[in-house]
Amino acid sequence: MGLTSEERTAIVRVRLGNAKKTFAEVSILMNNALWRTAANRLYYACFYAASALLINDGHQAHTHNGVISLLGMHYISKKIINEDLGDIYRKLFNLRQKGDYDDWTVVKESDLLTLIEPAEQFIKTIEELITNK
């Protein structure tokens, strides 16, 4: 990735900000029983954080699956990020995929309730990794 240090820092800051803002949208959507959209936003909150970490460390992913792969290769397999958090990210990805592209998938509140707190922890963990570098 041909970014200057300043550009990389700016993009990482924007992505982390987007992660936090997008995560905040989830409670509004949940309060309005918009489960499918809440699943989408919960995934994207984590996606923004994950992509911020990758960019911060000079890794480049071109697809959502690429982010999952690079996260696994550079952070989860090396136990920098807990494997349980990696599993949450993959679950969110799969739920978002089904919710966005499968007309027959019904996303329910119960699908999301067990994912919200771990997703928040995922974002906080990544923010700490970036901040402590």
C-alpha atoms as a PDB file:
ATOM      1  CA  MET A   1       0.000   0.000   0.000  1.00  0.00           C
ATOM      2  CA  GLY A   2       1.671   3.216  -1.120  1.00  0.00           C
ATOM      3  CA  LEU A   3       0.555   5.409   1.769  1.00  0.00           C
ATOM      4  CA  THR A   4       2.650   7.894   3.642  1.00  0.00           C
ATOM      5  CA  SER A   5       2.788   7.566   7.409  1.00  0.00           C
ATOM      6  CA  GLU A   6       0.472  10.571   7.744  1.00  0.00           C
ATOM      7  CA  GLU A   7      -2.045   9.132   5.275  1.00  0.00           C
ATOM      8  CA  ARG A   8      -2.013   5.776   7.055  1.00  0.00           C
ATOM      9  CA  THR A   9      -2.559   7.466  10.419  1.00  0.00           C
ATOM     10  CA  ALA A  10      -5.457   9.510   9.030  1.00  0.00           C
ATOM     11  CA  ILE A  11      -7.173   6.492   7.458  1.00  0.00           C
ATOM     12  CA  VAL A  12      -6.776   4.446  10.631  1.00  0.00           C
ATOM     13  CA  ARG A  13      -8.279   7.283  12.695  1.00  0.00           C
ATOM     14  CA  VAL A  14     -11.245   7.585  10.298  1.00  0.00           C
ATOM     15  CA  ARG A  15     -11.862   3.827  10.283  1.00  0.00           C
ATOM     16  CA  LEU A  16     -11.784   3.610  14.080  1.00  0.00           C
ATOM     17  CA  GLY A  17     -14.175   6.558  14.250  1.00  0.00           C
ATOM     18  CA  ASN A  18     -16.463   4.835  11.761  1.00  0.00           C
ATOM     19  CA  ALA A  19     -16.312   1.655  13.852  1.00  0.00           C
ATOM     20  CA  LYS A  20     -17.479   3.508  16.964  1.00  0.00           C
ATOM     21  CA  LYS A  21     -20.173   5.501  15.166  1.00  0.00           C
ATOM     22  CA  THR A  22     -21.477   2.447  13.367  1.00  0.00           C
ATOM     23  CA  PHE A  23     -21.541   0.451  16.605  1.00  0.00           C
ATOM     24  CA  ALA A  24     -23.600   3.256  18.191  1.00  0.00           C
ATOM     25  CA  GLU A  25     -26.161   2.886  15.371  1.00  0.00           C
ATOM     26  CA  VAL A  26     -26.827  -0.709  16.412  1.00  0.00           C
ATOM     27  CA  SER A  27     -28.706   0.190  19.610  1.00  0.00           C
ATOM     28  CA  ILE A  28     -30.958   2.593  17.689  1.00  0.00           C
ATOM     29  CA  LEU A  29     -31.749  -0.117  15.161  1.00  0.00           C
ATOM     30  CA  MET A  30     -32.311  -2.726  17.866  1.00  0.00           C
ATOM     31  CA  ASN A  31     -34.669  -0.377  19.739  1.00  0.00           C
ATOM     32  CA  ASN A  32     -36.700  -0.148  16.532  1.00  0.00           C
ATOM     33  CA  ALA A  33     -36.688  -3.916  15.861  1.00  0.00           C
ATOM     34  CA  LEU A  34     -34.637  -3.473  12.681  1.00  0.00           C
ATOM     35  CA  TRP A  35     -32.732  -6.726  13.186  1.00  0.00           C
ATOM     36  CA  ARG A  36     -31.464  -7.241   9.642  1.00  0.00           C
ATOM     37  CA  THR A  37     -30.029  -3.737   9.437  1.00  0.00           C
ATOM     38  CA  ALA A  38     -28.622  -4.012  12.966  1.00  0.00           C
ATOM     39  CA  ALA A  39     -26.768  -7.188  11.918  1.00  0.00           C
ATOM     40  CA  ASN A  40     -25.337  -5.314   8.940  1.00  0.00           C
ATOM     41  CA  ARG A  41     -24.172  -2.374  11.033  1.00  0.00           C
ATOM     42  CA  LEU A  42     -22.731  -4.609  13.759  1.00  0.00           C
ATOM     43  CA  TYR A  43     -20.643  -6.436  11.166  1.00  0.00           C
ATOM     44  CA  TYR A  44     -19.504  -3.186   9.552  1.00  0.00           C
ATOM     45  CA  ALA A  45     -18.500  -1.709  12.908  1.00  0.00           C
ATOM     46  CA  CYS A  46     -16.127  -4.651  13.347  1.00  0.00           C
ATOM     47  CA  PHE A  47     -15.048  -4.525   9.702  1.00  0.00           C
ATOM     48  CA  TYR A  48     -13.995  -0.888  10.038  1.00  0.00           C
ATOM     49  CA  ALA A  49     -11.974  -1.724  13.158  1.00  0.00           C
ATOM     50  CA  ALA A  50     -10.363  -4.796  11.559  1.00  0.00           C
ATOM     51  CA  SER A  51      -9.447  -2.911   8.404  1.00  0.00           C
ATOM     52  CA  ALA A  52      -8.002  -0.076  10.524  1.00  0.00           C
ATOM     53  CA  LEU A  53      -5.700  -2.563  12.245  1.00  0.00           C
ATOM     54  CA  LEU A  54      -4.600  -4.087   8.969  1.00  0.00           C
ATOM     55  CA  ILE A  55      -3.897  -0.679   7.426  1.00  0.00           C
ATOM     56  CA  ASN A  56      -2.097   0.431  10.575  1.00  0.00           C
ATOM     57  CA  ASP A  57       0.260  -2.521  10.272  1.00  0.00           C
ATOM     58  CA  GLY A  58       0.770  -2.211   6.510  1.00  0.00           C
ATOM     59  CA  HIS A  59      -1.464  -5.102   5.375  1.00  0.00           C
ATOM     60  CA  GLN A  60      -3.752  -4.714   2.399  1.00  0.00           C
ATOM     61  CA  ALA A  61      -7.026  -6.594   1.910  1.00  0.00           C
ATOM     62  CA  HIS A  62      -9.144  -6.164  -1.214  1.00  0.00           C
ATOM     63  CA  THR A  63     -12.248  -8.069  -0.059  1.00  0.00           C
ATOM     64  CA  HIS A  64     -14.170  -8.834   3.103  1.00  0.00           C
ATOM     65  CA  ASN A  65     -12.863 -12.404   2.955  1.00  0.00           C
ATOM     66  CA  GLY A  66      -9.393 -10.927   2.592  1.00  0.00           C
ATOM     67  CA  VAL A  67      -9.836  -9.030   5.854  1.00  0.00           C
ATOM     68  CA  ILE A  68     -10.929 -12.247   7.576  1.00  0.00           C
ATOM     69  CA  SER A  69      -7.971 -14.123   6.133  1.00  0.00           C
ATOM     70  CA  LEU A  70      -5.354 -11.503   7.026  1.00  0.00           C
ATOM     71  CA  LEU A  71      -6.811 -11.057  10.502  1.00  0.00           C
ATOM     72  CA  GLY A  72      -6.542 -14.794  11.045  1.00  0.00           C
ATOM     73  CA  MET A  73      -3.032 -15.027   9.622  1.00  0.00           C
ATOM     74  CA  HIS A  74      -1.460 -12.052  11.377  1.00  0.00           C
ATOM     75  CA  TYR A  75      -3.370 -11.720  14.641  1.00  0.00           C
ATOM     76  CA  ILE A  76      -5.547 -14.682  15.595  1.00  0.00           C
ATOM     77  CA  SER A  77      -3.113 -17.489  14.735  1.00  0.00           C
ATOM     78  CA  LYS A  78      -0.409 -15.572  16.624  1.00  0.00           C
ATOM     79  CA  LYS A  79      -2.764 -15.135  19.605  1.00  0.00           C
ATOM     80  CA  ILE A  80      -2.575 -11.341  19.396  1.00  0.00           C
ATOM     81  CA  ILE A  81      -6.373 -11.363  19.103  1.00  0.00           C
ATOM     82  CA  ASN A  82      -8.320 -14.001  21.006  1.00  0.00           C
ATOM     83  CA  GLU A  83      -9.682 -16.788  18.813  1.00  0.00           C
ATOM     84  CA  ASP A  84     -13.156 -16.263  20.297  1.00  0.00           C
ATOM     85  CA  LEU A  85     -13.181 -12.714  18.964  1.00  0.00           C
ATOM     86  CA  GLY A  86     -12.129 -14.006  15.556  1.00  0.00           C
ATOM     87  CA  ASP A  87     -15.060 -16.418  15.682  1.00  0.00           C
ATOM     88  CA  ILE A  88     -17.423 -13.544  16.498  1.00  0.00           C
ATOM     89  CA  TYR A  89     -16.149 -11.596  13.506  1.00  0.00           C
ATOM     90  CA  ARG A  90     -16.755 -14.567  11.198  1.00  0.00           C
ATOM     91  CA  LYS A  91     -20.242 -15.101  12.684  1.00  0.00           C
ATOM     92  CA  LEU A  92     -21.075 -11.446  12.079  1.00  0.00           C
ATOM     93  CA  PHE A  93     -19.794 -11.706   8.512  1.00  0.00           C
ATOM     94  CA  ASN A  94     -21.950 -14.775   7.828  1.00  0.00           C
ATOM     95  CA  LEU A  95     -25.036 -13.239   9.443  1.00  0.00           C
ATOM     96  CA  ARG A  96     -24.548 -10.033   7.453  1.00  0.00           C
ATOM     97  CA  GLN A  97     -24.089 -12.001   4.217  1.00  0.00           C
ATOM     98  CA  LYS A  98     -27.277 -13.977   4.795  1.00  0.00           C
ATOM     99  CA  GLY A  99     -29.218 -10.914   5.922  1.00  0.00           C
ATOM    100  CA  ASP A 100     -28.105  -8.813   2.977  1.00  0.00           C
ATOM    101  CA  TYR A 101     -28.251 -11.368   0.168  1.00  0.00           C
ATOM    102  CA  ASP A 102     -30.589 -14.217   1.118  1.00  0.00           C
ATOM    103  CA  ASP A 103     -34.193 -13.122   0.729  1.00  0.00           C
ATOM    104  CA  TRP A 104     -35.386 -16.009   2.896  1.00  0.00           C
ATOM    105  CA  THR A 105     -33.165 -15.315   5.885  1.00  0.00           C
ATOM    106  CA  VAL A 106     -34.975 -13.770   8.808  1.00  0.00           C
ATOM    107  CA  VAL A 107     -32.656 -12.083  11.285  1.00  0.00           C
ATOM    108  CA  LYS A 108     -34.094 -12.165  14.792  1.00  0.00           C
ATOM    109  CA  GLU A 109     -33.267 -10.241  17.929  1.00  0.00           C
ATOM    110  CA  SER A 110     -31.937 -13.444  19.482  1.00  0.00           C
ATOM    111  CA  ASP A 111     -29.427 -13.733  16.632  1.00  0.00           C
ATOM    112  CA  LEU A 112     -27.889 -10.432  17.701  1.00  0.00           C
ATOM    113  CA  LEU A 113     -28.108 -10.354  21.480  1.00  0.00           C
ATOM    114  CA  THR A 114     -25.179 -12.716  22.027  1.00  0.00           C
ATOM    115  CA  LEU A 115     -23.028 -10.859  19.491  1.00  0.00           C
ATOM    116  CA  ILE A 116     -23.265  -7.257  20.670  1.00  0.00           C
ATOM    117  CA  GLU A 117     -21.001  -7.400  23.706  1.00  0.00           C
ATOM    118  CA  PRO A 118     -18.307  -9.521  22.000  1.00  0.00           C
ATOM    119  CA  ALA A 119     -18.414  -7.193  18.977  1.00  0.00           C
ATOM    120  CA  GLU A 120     -17.827  -4.245  21.278  1.00  0.00           C
ATOM    121  CA  GLN A 121     -14.899  -6.124  22.841  1.00  0.00           C
ATOM    122  CA  PHE A 122     -13.536  -6.874  19.358  1.00  0.00           C
ATOM    123  CA  ILE A 123     -13.512  -3.153  18.537  1.00  0.00           C
ATOM    124  CA  LYS A 124     -11.955  -2.213  21.895  1.00  0.00           C
ATOM    125  CA  THR A 125      -9.255  -4.871  21.526  1.00  0.00           C
ATOM    126  CA  ILE A 126      -8.309  -3.582  18.093  1.00  0.00           C
ATOM    127  CA  GLU A 127      -8.296   0.013  19.278  1.00  0.00           C
ATOM    128  CA  GLU A 128      -5.950  -0.970  22.109  1.00  0.00           C
ATOM    129  CA  LEU A 129      -3.646  -2.792  19.689  1.00  0.00           C
ATOM    130  CA  ILE A 130      -3.440   0.278  17.466  1.00  0.00           C
ATOM    131  CA  THR A 131      -3.028   2.708  20.370  1.00  0.00           C
ATOM    132  CA  ASN A 132      -0.308   0.657  22.062  1.00  0.00           C
ATOM    133  CA  LYS A 133       1.908   0.367  18.967  1.00  0.00           C
END
